[in-house]
Amino acid sequence: MKKISIIAFCLALSYVSVAQEAPKLYTLPSPFERYSHYLATVRITGAVPLGSFSSSYIDKTSFENYSISMEWVTRSAVSVGGEVGYSYFQKRLPRNTYQNGDQTISAVQTRTLTQYPVQVFANYHFLGKNSTIQPYVQLSGGVSILDYTVYYGILSDQKQKVSPTYGVGVGSKFLFRRDGSFGADVRVKYAGTSFKYDYLQNGAASLNTSVGIFYRWW
């Protein structure tokens, strides 16, 4: 009986030792924390004109702004990527008379500005990559393909140009599920584009608030 008790005690001790040495897989960090990964985001944006863009050309908020971005999230707090967008502003003025050379035109004036910004950006995140809330700050820069067109009835004055553009923003990502692949991204960003022509003499600046959906993978 004494031998059986000793054997049972040794077996129990061996089991406890093996259990302690076995890896606890459920406590391992998420792959999104252990490895660098990728993230794609689709956004819709509301943009408010600022400065001389608002006072001398268009002062109407635009909701015709979209973008898509690809992002490489490193193992540190930094991520880098690229973003391509579309932005459209418009304002219609009551009928008035305008001078065109030697001619006087009576027309309804419609002011428009279309942009296709192509930018690279860097984000700095303040919390871990698997936090359900991930606040960040962003710096971006690149070029914007602009189409400035003012319509006088069926006539128009148009200027197209590729100009430098930049942005500074703050935002946060929100995971729908911890360790999940999908989430939302809310961002507020100041965007400025260098441009000088006719009504616009000091560029086009705006404050943009966007809501996006992202998918991440590794």
N, C-alpha and C. Protein backbone atom coordinates (compact mmCIF):
# COMPACT_ATOMS: atom_id res chain seq x y z
N MET A 1 0.83 -1.21 0.00
CA MET A 1 0.00 0.00 0.00
C MET A 1 0.86 1.25 0.00
N LYS A 2 1.99 1.17 0.76
CA LYS A 2 2.90 2.31 0.84
C LYS A 2 3.55 2.57 -0.50
N LYS A 3 3.91 1.45 -1.22
CA LYS A 3 4.54 1.60 -2.56
C LYS A 3 3.56 2.23 -3.54
N ILE A 4 2.30 1.84 -3.48
CA ILE A 4 1.29 2.39 -4.39
C ILE A 4 1.13 3.89 -4.16
N SER A 5 1.14 4.30 -2.91
CA SER A 5 1.01 5.73 -2.58
C SER A 5 2.18 6.52 -3.12
N ILE A 6 3.41 5.94 -2.97
CA ILE A 6 4.61 6.63 -3.48
C ILE A 6 4.55 6.78 -5.00
N ILE A 7 4.13 5.71 -5.69
CA ILE A 7 4.03 5.74 -7.16
C ILE A 7 3.00 6.77 -7.59
N ALA A 8 1.85 6.81 -6.93
CA ALA A 8 0.80 7.76 -7.27
C ALA A 8 1.28 9.19 -7.06
N PHE A 9 2.04 9.39 -5.96
CA PHE A 9 2.56 10.73 -5.69
C PHE A 9 3.55 11.15 -6.77
N CYS A 10 4.41 10.24 -7.21
CA CYS A 10 5.40 10.55 -8.26
C CYS A 10 4.71 10.88 -9.57
N LEU A 11 3.65 10.10 -9.92
CA LEU A 11 2.92 10.36 -11.16
C LEU A 11 2.25 11.74 -11.12
N ALA A 12 1.64 12.07 -9.98
CA ALA A 12 0.98 13.37 -9.84
C ALA A 12 1.98 14.51 -9.97
N LEU A 13 3.17 14.31 -9.35
CA LEU A 13 4.22 15.33 -9.41
C LEU A 13 4.71 15.51 -10.84
N SER A 14 4.84 14.41 -11.59
CA SER A 14 5.27 14.47 -12.99
C SER A 14 4.24 15.19 -13.84
N TYR A 15 2.96 14.93 -13.60
CA TYR A 15 1.89 15.58 -14.37
C TYR A 15 1.89 17.09 -14.16
N VAL A 16 2.07 17.50 -12.88
CA VAL A 16 2.10 18.94 -12.58
C VAL A 16 3.29 19.60 -13.25
N SER A 17 4.44 18.91 -13.25
CA SER A 17 5.65 19.48 -13.87
C SER A 17 5.48 19.65 -15.37
N VAL A 18 4.88 18.61 -16.03
CA VAL A 18 4.66 18.69 -17.48
C VAL A 18 3.65 19.78 -17.80
N ALA A 19 2.61 19.90 -16.99
CA ALA A 19 1.57 20.91 -17.23
C ALA A 19 2.15 22.32 -17.12
N GLN A 20 3.10 22.48 -16.16
CA GLN A 20 3.71 23.80 -16.01
C GLN A 20 4.63 24.14 -17.17
N GLU A 21 5.30 23.13 -17.75
CA GLU A 21 6.23 23.35 -18.84
C GLU A 21 5.53 23.49 -20.19
N ALA A 22 4.28 23.00 -20.32
CA ALA A 22 3.56 23.06 -21.59
C ALA A 22 3.23 24.50 -21.94
N PRO A 23 3.40 24.88 -23.19
CA PRO A 23 3.08 26.27 -23.60
C PRO A 23 1.60 26.56 -23.48
N LYS A 24 1.29 27.71 -22.94
CA LYS A 24 -0.10 28.14 -22.81
C LYS A 24 -0.44 28.98 -24.04
N LEU A 25 -0.90 28.33 -25.09
CA LEU A 25 -1.11 28.98 -26.38
C LEU A 25 -2.11 30.11 -26.29
N TYR A 26 -3.09 29.98 -25.42
CA TYR A 26 -4.13 30.98 -25.34
C TYR A 26 -3.62 32.30 -24.75
N THR A 27 -2.41 32.32 -24.19
CA THR A 27 -1.86 33.57 -23.65
C THR A 27 -0.89 34.22 -24.62
N LEU A 28 -0.61 33.62 -25.77
CA LEU A 28 0.31 34.21 -26.74
C LEU A 28 -0.26 35.50 -27.30
N PRO A 29 0.59 36.49 -27.55
CA PRO A 29 0.10 37.74 -28.17
C PRO A 29 -0.48 37.47 -29.55
N SER A 30 -1.36 38.35 -29.98
CA SER A 30 -1.95 38.25 -31.30
C SER A 30 -0.88 38.36 -32.38
N PRO A 31 -1.06 37.69 -33.54
CA PRO A 31 -0.12 37.86 -34.65
C PRO A 31 0.03 39.31 -35.07
N PHE A 32 -1.03 40.13 -34.89
CA PHE A 32 -0.95 41.54 -35.26
C PHE A 32 -0.01 42.31 -34.33
N GLU A 33 0.24 41.75 -33.12
CA GLU A 33 1.19 42.36 -32.21
C GLU A 33 2.60 41.82 -32.43
N ARG A 34 2.70 40.56 -32.83
CA ARG A 34 4.01 39.94 -32.98
C ARG A 34 4.67 40.24 -34.32
N TYR A 35 3.86 40.49 -35.38
CA TYR A 35 4.41 40.67 -36.71
C TYR A 35 3.95 42.00 -37.30
N SER A 36 4.70 42.48 -38.26
CA SER A 36 4.20 43.61 -39.05
C SER A 36 3.05 43.10 -39.92
N HIS A 37 2.14 43.99 -40.28
CA HIS A 37 0.98 43.57 -41.07
C HIS A 37 0.52 44.71 -41.96
N TYR A 38 -0.52 44.44 -42.73
CA TYR A 38 -1.01 45.41 -43.71
C TYR A 38 -2.46 45.78 -43.39
N LEU A 39 -2.84 46.98 -43.88
CA LEU A 39 -4.17 47.49 -43.56
C LEU A 39 -4.67 48.33 -44.73
N ALA A 40 -5.88 48.06 -45.19
CA ALA A 40 -6.51 48.81 -46.28
C ALA A 40 -7.76 49.50 -45.74
N THR A 41 -7.92 50.80 -46.09
CA THR A 41 -9.02 51.61 -45.56
C THR A 41 -9.75 52.33 -46.69
N VAL A 42 -11.07 52.30 -46.65
CA VAL A 42 -11.91 53.08 -47.57
C VAL A 42 -12.62 54.14 -46.75
N ARG A 43 -12.58 55.41 -47.22
CA ARG A 43 -13.12 56.52 -46.45
C ARG A 43 -14.13 57.34 -47.25
N ILE A 44 -15.05 57.97 -46.51
CA ILE A 44 -15.91 59.02 -47.03
C ILE A 44 -15.70 60.23 -46.12
N THR A 45 -15.64 61.44 -46.73
CA THR A 45 -15.19 62.62 -46.00
C THR A 45 -16.11 63.81 -46.20
N GLY A 46 -16.32 64.55 -45.12
CA GLY A 46 -16.95 65.87 -45.20
C GLY A 46 -15.86 66.92 -45.06
N ALA A 47 -15.82 67.90 -45.98
CA ALA A 47 -14.73 68.87 -46.01
C ALA A 47 -15.28 70.29 -45.92
N VAL A 48 -14.70 71.09 -45.02
CA VAL A 48 -15.09 72.49 -44.82
C VAL A 48 -13.98 73.39 -45.34
N PRO A 49 -14.25 74.25 -46.34
CA PRO A 49 -13.21 75.17 -46.85
C PRO A 49 -12.74 76.13 -45.77
N LEU A 50 -11.44 76.48 -45.81
CA LEU A 50 -10.86 77.38 -44.83
C LEU A 50 -10.13 78.53 -45.52
N GLY A 51 -9.89 79.58 -44.76
CA GLY A 51 -9.05 80.68 -45.22
C GLY A 51 -9.57 81.37 -46.46
N SER A 52 -8.64 81.75 -47.34
CA SER A 52 -9.01 82.47 -48.56
C SER A 52 -9.81 81.60 -49.52
N PHE A 53 -9.65 80.29 -49.44
CA PHE A 53 -10.45 79.38 -50.26
C PHE A 53 -11.93 79.59 -49.95
N SER A 54 -12.26 79.75 -48.67
CA SER A 54 -13.64 79.98 -48.25
C SER A 54 -14.11 81.41 -48.51
N SER A 55 -13.24 82.38 -48.22
CA SER A 55 -13.66 83.78 -48.30
C SER A 55 -13.71 84.33 -49.73
N SER A 56 -12.88 83.78 -50.64
CA SER A 56 -12.83 84.35 -51.98
C SER A 56 -13.33 83.44 -53.09
N TYR A 57 -13.60 82.16 -52.76
CA TYR A 57 -14.01 81.27 -53.86
C TYR A 57 -15.22 80.41 -53.50
N ILE A 58 -15.05 79.41 -52.63
CA ILE A 58 -16.16 78.51 -52.27
C ILE A 58 -16.21 78.39 -50.75
N ASP A 59 -17.39 78.65 -50.19
CA ASP A 59 -17.56 78.53 -48.74
C ASP A 59 -18.56 77.43 -48.36
N LYS A 60 -18.87 76.54 -49.28
CA LYS A 60 -19.84 75.47 -49.04
C LYS A 60 -19.13 74.17 -48.64
N THR A 61 -19.65 73.53 -47.58
CA THR A 61 -19.13 72.24 -47.17
C THR A 61 -19.40 71.19 -48.25
N SER A 62 -18.43 70.34 -48.47
CA SER A 62 -18.56 69.30 -49.49
C SER A 62 -18.59 67.92 -48.83
N PHE A 63 -19.49 67.06 -49.35
CA PHE A 63 -19.54 65.67 -48.89
C PHE A 63 -19.21 64.71 -50.03
N GLU A 64 -18.70 65.25 -51.13
CA GLU A 64 -18.29 64.41 -52.27
C GLU A 64 -16.79 64.21 -52.23
N ASN A 65 -16.34 63.52 -51.20
CA ASN A 65 -14.90 63.29 -51.01
C ASN A 65 -14.70 61.84 -50.57
N TYR A 66 -13.82 61.15 -51.28
CA TYR A 66 -13.60 59.73 -51.01
C TYR A 66 -12.11 59.44 -51.13
N SER A 67 -11.68 58.38 -50.49
CA SER A 67 -10.28 57.97 -50.62
C SER A 67 -10.13 56.50 -50.27
N ILE A 68 -9.01 55.94 -50.72
CA ILE A 68 -8.62 54.58 -50.36
C ILE A 68 -7.13 54.60 -50.03
N SER A 69 -6.75 53.87 -49.00
CA SER A 69 -5.35 53.87 -48.59
C SER A 69 -4.87 52.46 -48.29
N MET A 70 -3.55 52.28 -48.45
CA MET A 70 -2.88 51.04 -48.06
C MET A 70 -1.81 51.41 -47.06
N GLU A 71 -1.69 50.61 -46.00
CA GLU A 71 -0.82 50.97 -44.88
C GLU A 71 -0.01 49.76 -44.44
N TRP A 72 1.28 49.98 -44.17
CA TRP A 72 2.15 48.95 -43.60
C TRP A 72 2.37 49.28 -42.14
N VAL A 73 1.89 48.42 -41.26
CA VAL A 73 1.99 48.64 -39.82
C VAL A 73 3.21 47.87 -39.31
N THR A 74 4.22 48.60 -38.87
CA THR A 74 5.46 47.98 -38.42
C THR A 74 5.28 47.43 -37.00
N ARG A 75 6.32 46.78 -36.50
CA ARG A 75 6.26 46.23 -35.15
C ARG A 75 6.42 47.33 -34.09
N SER A 76 6.83 48.51 -34.52
CA SER A 76 6.90 49.65 -33.60
C SER A 76 5.56 50.38 -33.59
N ALA A 77 5.54 51.61 -33.08
CA ALA A 77 4.31 52.39 -33.02
C ALA A 77 4.02 53.13 -34.31
N VAL A 78 4.89 52.96 -35.32
CA VAL A 78 4.78 53.73 -36.56
C VAL A 78 4.21 52.87 -37.68
N SER A 79 3.39 53.48 -38.53
CA SER A 79 2.93 52.84 -39.76
C SER A 79 3.10 53.84 -40.90
N VAL A 80 3.34 53.32 -42.11
CA VAL A 80 3.51 54.18 -43.28
C VAL A 80 2.63 53.64 -44.40
N GLY A 81 2.23 54.53 -45.31
CA GLY A 81 1.37 54.08 -46.39
C GLY A 81 1.15 55.14 -47.44
N GLY A 82 0.20 54.87 -48.30
CA GLY A 82 -0.16 55.79 -49.36
C GLY A 82 -1.67 55.90 -49.48
N GLU A 83 -2.15 57.07 -49.92
CA GLU A 83 -3.59 57.31 -50.01
C GLU A 83 -3.90 58.06 -51.31
N VAL A 84 -4.93 57.60 -52.01
CA VAL A 84 -5.39 58.23 -53.25
C VAL A 84 -6.84 58.67 -53.02
N GLY A 85 -7.16 59.91 -53.38
CA GLY A 85 -8.50 60.41 -53.09
C GLY A 85 -9.15 61.17 -54.22
N TYR A 86 -10.38 61.57 -53.97
CA TYR A 86 -11.18 62.41 -54.88
C TYR A 86 -11.91 63.43 -54.03
N SER A 87 -11.86 64.70 -54.46
CA SER A 87 -12.51 65.77 -53.70
C SER A 87 -13.17 66.74 -54.67
N TYR A 88 -14.40 67.16 -54.35
CA TYR A 88 -15.14 68.06 -55.24
C TYR A 88 -15.87 69.13 -54.43
N PHE A 89 -15.62 70.39 -54.76
CA PHE A 89 -16.30 71.52 -54.15
C PHE A 89 -17.07 72.28 -55.23
N GLN A 90 -18.24 72.83 -54.85
CA GLN A 90 -19.04 73.58 -55.81
C GLN A 90 -19.85 74.66 -55.10
N LYS A 91 -20.01 75.81 -55.79
CA LYS A 91 -20.86 76.88 -55.29
C LYS A 91 -21.50 77.58 -56.49
N ARG A 92 -22.82 77.80 -56.43
CA ARG A 92 -23.55 78.49 -57.50
C ARG A 92 -24.01 79.86 -57.00
N LEU A 93 -23.73 80.89 -57.81
CA LEU A 93 -24.10 82.26 -57.46
C LEU A 93 -25.30 82.72 -58.29
N PRO A 94 -26.09 83.66 -57.77
CA PRO A 94 -27.23 84.18 -58.54
C PRO A 94 -26.76 84.84 -59.84
N ARG A 95 -27.68 84.97 -60.77
CA ARG A 95 -27.36 85.59 -62.06
C ARG A 95 -26.82 87.01 -61.83
N ASN A 96 -25.76 87.31 -62.60
CA ASN A 96 -25.11 88.60 -62.49
C ASN A 96 -24.45 88.92 -63.83
N THR A 97 -23.88 90.10 -63.95
CA THR A 97 -23.17 90.47 -65.16
C THR A 97 -21.67 90.40 -64.92
N TYR A 98 -20.94 89.86 -65.90
CA TYR A 98 -19.49 89.69 -65.80
C TYR A 98 -18.84 90.23 -67.07
N GLN A 99 -17.64 90.76 -66.91
CA GLN A 99 -16.90 91.31 -68.03
C GLN A 99 -15.97 90.25 -68.59
N ASN A 100 -16.07 90.00 -69.89
CA ASN A 100 -15.19 89.06 -70.58
C ASN A 100 -14.58 89.77 -71.78
N GLY A 101 -13.41 90.38 -71.54
CA GLY A 101 -12.80 91.19 -72.59
C GLY A 101 -13.64 92.41 -72.88
N ASP A 102 -14.07 92.53 -74.11
CA ASP A 102 -14.93 93.65 -74.51
C ASP A 102 -16.39 93.33 -74.35
N GLN A 103 -16.70 92.09 -73.94
CA GLN A 103 -18.10 91.68 -73.83
C GLN A 103 -18.57 91.67 -72.38
N THR A 104 -19.84 91.96 -72.19
CA THR A 104 -20.49 91.85 -70.89
C THR A 104 -21.44 90.66 -70.94
N ILE A 105 -21.24 89.74 -70.00
CA ILE A 105 -22.03 88.49 -69.97
C ILE A 105 -22.98 88.52 -68.79
N SER A 106 -24.24 88.18 -69.02
CA SER A 106 -25.20 87.98 -67.96
C SER A 106 -25.40 86.48 -67.80
N ALA A 107 -25.01 85.94 -66.65
CA ALA A 107 -25.06 84.49 -66.50
C ALA A 107 -25.10 84.10 -65.03
N VAL A 108 -25.48 82.85 -64.79
CA VAL A 108 -25.37 82.23 -63.46
C VAL A 108 -23.97 81.64 -63.36
N GLN A 109 -23.23 82.08 -62.37
CA GLN A 109 -21.85 81.59 -62.22
C GLN A 109 -21.81 80.38 -61.29
N THR A 110 -21.13 79.33 -61.73
CA THR A 110 -20.93 78.13 -60.91
C THR A 110 -19.44 77.90 -60.73
N ARG A 111 -19.00 77.92 -59.49
CA ARG A 111 -17.58 77.73 -59.18
C ARG A 111 -17.34 76.28 -58.74
N THR A 112 -16.30 75.67 -59.28
CA THR A 112 -15.99 74.29 -58.92
C THR A 112 -14.48 74.13 -58.71
N LEU A 113 -14.13 73.16 -57.89
CA LEU A 113 -12.74 72.75 -57.72
C LEU A 113 -12.72 71.24 -57.49
N THR A 114 -12.04 70.54 -58.38
CA THR A 114 -11.91 69.08 -58.28
C THR A 114 -10.45 68.75 -58.01
N GLN A 115 -10.22 67.85 -57.06
CA GLN A 115 -8.85 67.44 -56.73
C GLN A 115 -8.75 65.92 -56.69
N TYR A 116 -7.59 65.44 -57.13
CA TYR A 116 -7.24 64.02 -57.01
C TYR A 116 -5.91 63.95 -56.25
N PRO A 117 -5.94 64.00 -54.93
CA PRO A 117 -4.69 63.98 -54.15
C PRO A 117 -4.07 62.58 -54.10
N VAL A 118 -2.76 62.54 -54.27
CA VAL A 118 -1.98 61.31 -54.15
C VAL A 118 -0.90 61.59 -53.11
N GLN A 119 -1.00 60.93 -51.96
CA GLN A 119 -0.12 61.25 -50.84
C GLN A 119 0.49 60.01 -50.21
N VAL A 120 1.66 60.21 -49.61
CA VAL A 120 2.24 59.22 -48.69
C VAL A 120 2.04 59.77 -47.28
N PHE A 121 1.96 58.87 -46.28
CA PHE A 121 1.72 59.33 -44.92
C PHE A 121 2.44 58.45 -43.92
N ALA A 122 2.58 59.00 -42.72
CA ALA A 122 3.14 58.26 -41.59
C ALA A 122 2.22 58.48 -40.39
N ASN A 123 1.88 57.41 -39.70
CA ASN A 123 1.05 57.47 -38.49
C ASN A 123 1.89 57.07 -37.28
N TYR A 124 1.64 57.73 -36.16
CA TYR A 124 2.22 57.30 -34.89
C TYR A 124 1.07 56.92 -33.96
N HIS A 125 1.07 55.65 -33.49
CA HIS A 125 -0.01 55.14 -32.64
C HIS A 125 0.41 55.19 -31.17
N PHE A 126 -0.54 55.55 -30.32
CA PHE A 126 -0.25 55.73 -28.90
C PHE A 126 -0.52 54.47 -28.08
N LEU A 127 -1.31 53.54 -28.59
CA LEU A 127 -1.61 52.30 -27.86
C LEU A 127 -1.24 51.10 -28.72
N GLY A 128 -1.36 49.92 -28.12
CA GLY A 128 -0.96 48.69 -28.80
C GLY A 128 -1.81 48.38 -30.03
N LYS A 129 -1.24 47.56 -30.90
CA LYS A 129 -1.91 47.24 -32.17
C LYS A 129 -3.16 46.38 -31.98
N ASN A 130 -3.33 45.80 -30.81
CA ASN A 130 -4.51 44.98 -30.59
C ASN A 130 -5.47 45.61 -29.59
N SER A 131 -5.23 46.89 -29.26
CA SER A 131 -6.18 47.61 -28.42
C SER A 131 -7.45 47.87 -29.23
N THR A 132 -8.58 47.80 -28.60
CA THR A 132 -9.83 48.05 -29.32
C THR A 132 -9.93 49.50 -29.78
N ILE A 133 -9.25 50.42 -29.08
CA ILE A 133 -9.17 51.82 -29.48
C ILE A 133 -7.71 52.16 -29.70
N GLN A 134 -7.37 52.72 -30.88
CA GLN A 134 -5.98 52.99 -31.24
C GLN A 134 -5.82 54.42 -31.76
N PRO A 135 -5.68 55.41 -30.88
CA PRO A 135 -5.51 56.79 -31.32
C PRO A 135 -4.16 56.99 -32.01
N TYR A 136 -4.11 57.94 -32.95
CA TYR A 136 -2.87 58.19 -33.69
C TYR A 136 -2.83 59.63 -34.18
N VAL A 137 -1.63 60.07 -34.56
CA VAL A 137 -1.43 61.34 -35.26
C VAL A 137 -0.84 61.02 -36.63
N GLN A 138 -1.07 61.93 -37.60
CA GLN A 138 -0.66 61.64 -38.97
C GLN A 138 -0.04 62.86 -39.64
N LEU A 139 1.00 62.62 -40.42
CA LEU A 139 1.60 63.60 -41.32
C LEU A 139 1.56 63.03 -42.73
N SER A 140 1.20 63.86 -43.72
CA SER A 140 1.11 63.38 -45.09
C SER A 140 1.59 64.45 -46.06
N GLY A 141 1.99 64.01 -47.24
CA GLY A 141 2.42 64.93 -48.27
C GLY A 141 2.45 64.25 -49.63
N GLY A 142 2.33 65.06 -50.68
CA GLY A 142 2.34 64.49 -52.03
C GLY A 142 1.96 65.54 -53.05
N VAL A 143 1.21 65.14 -54.05
CA VAL A 143 0.76 66.05 -55.10
C VAL A 143 -0.74 65.88 -55.29
N SER A 144 -1.35 66.92 -55.87
CA SER A 144 -2.78 66.88 -56.16
C SER A 144 -3.00 67.34 -57.59
N ILE A 145 -3.79 66.58 -58.32
CA ILE A 145 -4.19 66.96 -59.67
C ILE A 145 -5.45 67.80 -59.55
N LEU A 146 -5.36 69.10 -59.91
CA LEU A 146 -6.47 70.03 -59.72
C LEU A 146 -7.14 70.39 -61.02
N ASP A 147 -8.44 70.58 -60.94
CA ASP A 147 -9.24 71.11 -62.05
C ASP A 147 -10.08 72.26 -61.49
N TYR A 148 -9.67 73.48 -61.84
CA TYR A 148 -10.39 74.68 -61.43
C TYR A 148 -11.24 75.12 -62.61
N THR A 149 -12.56 75.12 -62.45
CA THR A 149 -13.46 75.51 -63.54
C THR A 149 -14.56 76.42 -63.01
N VAL A 150 -14.70 77.58 -63.63
CA VAL A 150 -15.80 78.51 -63.32
C VAL A 150 -16.69 78.59 -64.55
N TYR A 151 -17.97 78.26 -64.37
CA TYR A 151 -18.92 78.27 -65.49
C TYR A 151 -19.72 79.57 -65.46
N TYR A 152 -19.87 80.17 -66.65
CA TYR A 152 -20.74 81.32 -66.87
C TYR A 152 -21.83 80.86 -67.84
N GLY A 153 -22.87 80.25 -67.30
CA GLY A 153 -23.85 79.63 -68.18
C GLY A 153 -23.22 78.45 -68.90
N ILE A 154 -23.16 78.51 -70.25
CA ILE A 154 -22.55 77.43 -71.03
C ILE A 154 -21.07 77.70 -71.31
N LEU A 155 -20.58 78.89 -70.95
CA LEU A 155 -19.17 79.21 -71.10
C LEU A 155 -18.41 78.82 -69.85
N SER A 156 -17.09 78.68 -69.97
CA SER A 156 -16.31 78.28 -68.79
C SER A 156 -14.89 78.83 -68.87
N ASP A 157 -14.30 79.01 -67.70
CA ASP A 157 -12.90 79.38 -67.54
C ASP A 157 -12.25 78.26 -66.75
N GLN A 158 -11.28 77.57 -67.35
CA GLN A 158 -10.72 76.37 -66.74
C GLN A 158 -9.21 76.47 -66.61
N LYS A 159 -8.70 75.90 -65.50
CA LYS A 159 -7.27 75.80 -65.26
C LYS A 159 -6.98 74.46 -64.61
N GLN A 160 -6.07 73.70 -65.19
CA GLN A 160 -5.68 72.40 -64.65
C GLN A 160 -4.21 72.43 -64.28
N LYS A 161 -3.88 71.82 -63.16
CA LYS A 161 -2.51 71.89 -62.67
C LYS A 161 -2.23 70.76 -61.69
N VAL A 162 -0.96 70.35 -61.62
CA VAL A 162 -0.51 69.42 -60.59
C VAL A 162 0.27 70.23 -59.56
N SER A 163 -0.18 70.21 -58.31
CA SER A 163 0.40 71.05 -57.27
C SER A 163 0.75 70.25 -56.03
N PRO A 164 1.71 70.75 -55.22
CA PRO A 164 2.03 70.08 -53.96
C PRO A 164 0.86 70.14 -52.98
N THR A 165 0.72 69.11 -52.18
CA THR A 165 -0.33 69.06 -51.16
C THR A 165 0.22 68.41 -49.90
N TYR A 166 -0.34 68.76 -48.76
CA TYR A 166 0.12 68.22 -47.49
C TYR A 166 -1.05 68.15 -46.51
N GLY A 167 -0.84 67.43 -45.41
CA GLY A 167 -1.89 67.31 -44.41
C GLY A 167 -1.35 66.97 -43.03
N VAL A 168 -2.09 67.37 -42.00
CA VAL A 168 -1.80 67.04 -40.60
C VAL A 168 -3.11 66.58 -39.97
N GLY A 169 -3.09 65.41 -39.35
CA GLY A 169 -4.35 64.90 -38.83
C GLY A 169 -4.21 64.15 -37.51
N VAL A 170 -5.35 63.96 -36.86
CA VAL A 170 -5.45 63.11 -35.66
C VAL A 170 -6.65 62.19 -35.88
N GLY A 171 -6.56 61.00 -35.34
CA GLY A 171 -7.67 60.07 -35.52
C GLY A 171 -7.56 58.88 -34.59
N SER A 172 -8.42 57.92 -34.80
CA SER A 172 -8.38 56.70 -34.00
C SER A 172 -9.00 55.56 -34.79
N LYS A 173 -8.40 54.39 -34.64
CA LYS A 173 -8.97 53.16 -35.19
C LYS A 173 -9.76 52.47 -34.08
N PHE A 174 -10.83 51.79 -34.46
CA PHE A 174 -11.68 51.07 -33.52
C PHE A 174 -11.89 49.65 -34.05
N LEU A 175 -11.34 48.67 -33.35
CA LEU A 175 -11.53 47.29 -33.75
C LEU A 175 -12.94 46.81 -33.41
N PHE A 176 -13.59 46.14 -34.37
CA PHE A 176 -14.90 45.58 -34.10
C PHE A 176 -14.80 44.40 -33.13
N ARG A 177 -13.66 43.70 -33.17
CA ARG A 177 -13.43 42.56 -32.28
C ARG A 177 -11.94 42.45 -32.01
N ARG A 178 -11.56 42.27 -30.76
CA ARG A 178 -10.16 42.12 -30.43
C ARG A 178 -9.58 40.93 -31.20
N ASP A 179 -8.41 41.11 -31.76
CA ASP A 179 -7.76 40.12 -32.65
C ASP A 179 -8.45 40.02 -33.99
N GLY A 180 -9.51 40.82 -34.23
CA GLY A 180 -10.24 40.74 -35.49
C GLY A 180 -9.54 41.47 -36.62
N SER A 181 -10.08 41.30 -37.83
CA SER A 181 -9.49 41.90 -39.01
C SER A 181 -10.19 43.18 -39.46
N PHE A 182 -11.41 43.43 -38.97
CA PHE A 182 -12.18 44.59 -39.44
C PHE A 182 -12.32 45.63 -38.33
N GLY A 183 -12.45 46.90 -38.76
CA GLY A 183 -12.65 47.97 -37.81
C GLY A 183 -13.02 49.26 -38.50
N ALA A 184 -13.21 50.31 -37.71
CA ALA A 184 -13.55 51.64 -38.23
C ALA A 184 -12.41 52.60 -37.94
N ASP A 185 -12.31 53.63 -38.76
CA ASP A 185 -11.26 54.65 -38.60
C ASP A 185 -11.91 56.03 -38.73
N VAL A 186 -11.79 56.84 -37.68
CA VAL A 186 -12.31 58.21 -37.69
C VAL A 186 -11.12 59.16 -37.66
N ARG A 187 -11.10 60.13 -38.58
CA ARG A 187 -9.94 61.03 -38.68
C ARG A 187 -10.39 62.47 -38.93
N VAL A 188 -9.73 63.42 -38.29
CA VAL A 188 -9.89 64.85 -38.57
C VAL A 188 -8.55 65.35 -39.11
N LYS A 189 -8.58 65.99 -40.26
CA LYS A 189 -7.33 66.33 -40.95
C LYS A 189 -7.39 67.71 -41.58
N TYR A 190 -6.33 68.48 -41.39
CA TYR A 190 -6.16 69.74 -42.11
C TYR A 190 -5.42 69.43 -43.41
N ALA A 191 -5.98 69.85 -44.54
CA ALA A 191 -5.37 69.59 -45.84
C ALA A 191 -5.15 70.90 -46.57
N GLY A 192 -3.97 71.08 -47.14
CA GLY A 192 -3.67 72.28 -47.90
C GLY A 192 -3.04 71.94 -49.23
N THR A 193 -3.41 72.69 -50.27
CA THR A 193 -2.87 72.49 -51.61
C THR A 193 -2.44 73.83 -52.18
N SER A 194 -1.22 73.87 -52.72
CA SER A 194 -0.72 75.11 -53.31
C SER A 194 -1.34 75.32 -54.69
N PHE A 195 -1.99 76.48 -54.88
CA PHE A 195 -2.63 76.77 -56.16
C PHE A 195 -2.90 78.27 -56.26
N LYS A 196 -2.63 78.86 -57.44
CA LYS A 196 -2.84 80.30 -57.62
C LYS A 196 -3.37 80.56 -59.01
N TYR A 197 -4.63 81.02 -59.05
CA TYR A 197 -5.25 81.36 -60.34
C TYR A 197 -6.57 82.08 -60.09
N ASP A 198 -6.77 83.20 -60.75
CA ASP A 198 -8.03 83.95 -60.74
C ASP A 198 -8.53 84.19 -59.31
N TYR A 199 -9.68 83.60 -58.92
CA TYR A 199 -10.23 83.82 -57.59
C TYR A 199 -9.36 83.23 -56.48
N LEU A 200 -8.63 82.18 -56.80
CA LEU A 200 -7.80 81.51 -55.79
C LEU A 200 -6.37 82.01 -55.89
N GLN A 201 -5.94 82.77 -54.89
CA GLN A 201 -4.59 83.33 -54.89
C GLN A 201 -3.70 82.78 -53.78
N ASN A 202 -4.28 82.09 -52.82
CA ASN A 202 -3.50 81.58 -51.69
C ASN A 202 -3.73 80.10 -51.43
N GLY A 203 -4.01 79.35 -52.48
CA GLY A 203 -4.19 77.92 -52.32
C GLY A 203 -5.56 77.51 -51.83
N ALA A 204 -5.75 76.21 -51.70
CA ALA A 204 -7.03 75.64 -51.24
C ALA A 204 -6.78 74.83 -49.97
N ALA A 205 -7.36 75.30 -48.87
CA ALA A 205 -7.22 74.62 -47.59
C ALA A 205 -8.59 74.19 -47.07
N SER A 206 -8.63 73.07 -46.37
CA SER A 206 -9.90 72.58 -45.84
C SER A 206 -9.67 71.75 -44.59
N LEU A 207 -10.71 71.65 -43.77
CA LEU A 207 -10.71 70.78 -42.60
C LEU A 207 -11.62 69.60 -42.92
N ASN A 208 -11.03 68.40 -42.91
CA ASN A 208 -11.73 67.21 -43.36
C ASN A 208 -11.99 66.25 -42.20
N THR A 209 -13.24 65.82 -42.09
CA THR A 209 -13.61 64.80 -41.11
C THR A 209 -14.08 63.56 -41.87
N SER A 210 -13.39 62.45 -41.66
CA SER A 210 -13.68 61.24 -42.44
C SER A 210 -14.02 60.07 -41.54
N VAL A 211 -14.82 59.17 -42.09
CA VAL A 211 -15.15 57.89 -41.45
C VAL A 211 -14.80 56.79 -42.43
N GLY A 212 -14.04 55.82 -41.98
CA GLY A 212 -13.61 54.75 -42.88
C GLY A 212 -13.80 53.37 -42.27
N ILE A 213 -13.77 52.38 -43.15
CA ILE A 213 -13.79 50.97 -42.75
C ILE A 213 -12.47 50.35 -43.21
N PHE A 214 -11.81 49.64 -42.31
CA PHE A 214 -10.52 49.02 -42.68
C PHE A 214 -10.55 47.51 -42.53
N TYR A 215 -9.66 46.88 -43.28
CA TYR A 215 -9.42 45.44 -43.19
C TYR A 215 -7.90 45.25 -43.01
N ARG A 216 -7.50 44.44 -42.06
CA ARG A 216 -6.08 44.20 -41.83
C ARG A 216 -5.75 42.72 -41.96
N TRP A 217 -4.53 42.45 -42.40
CA TRP A 217 -4.09 41.06 -42.55
C TRP A 217 -2.58 41.01 -42.39
N TRP A 218 -2.06 39.79 -42.17
CA TRP A 218 -0.63 39.62 -41.96
C TRP A 218 -0.16 38.39 -42.73
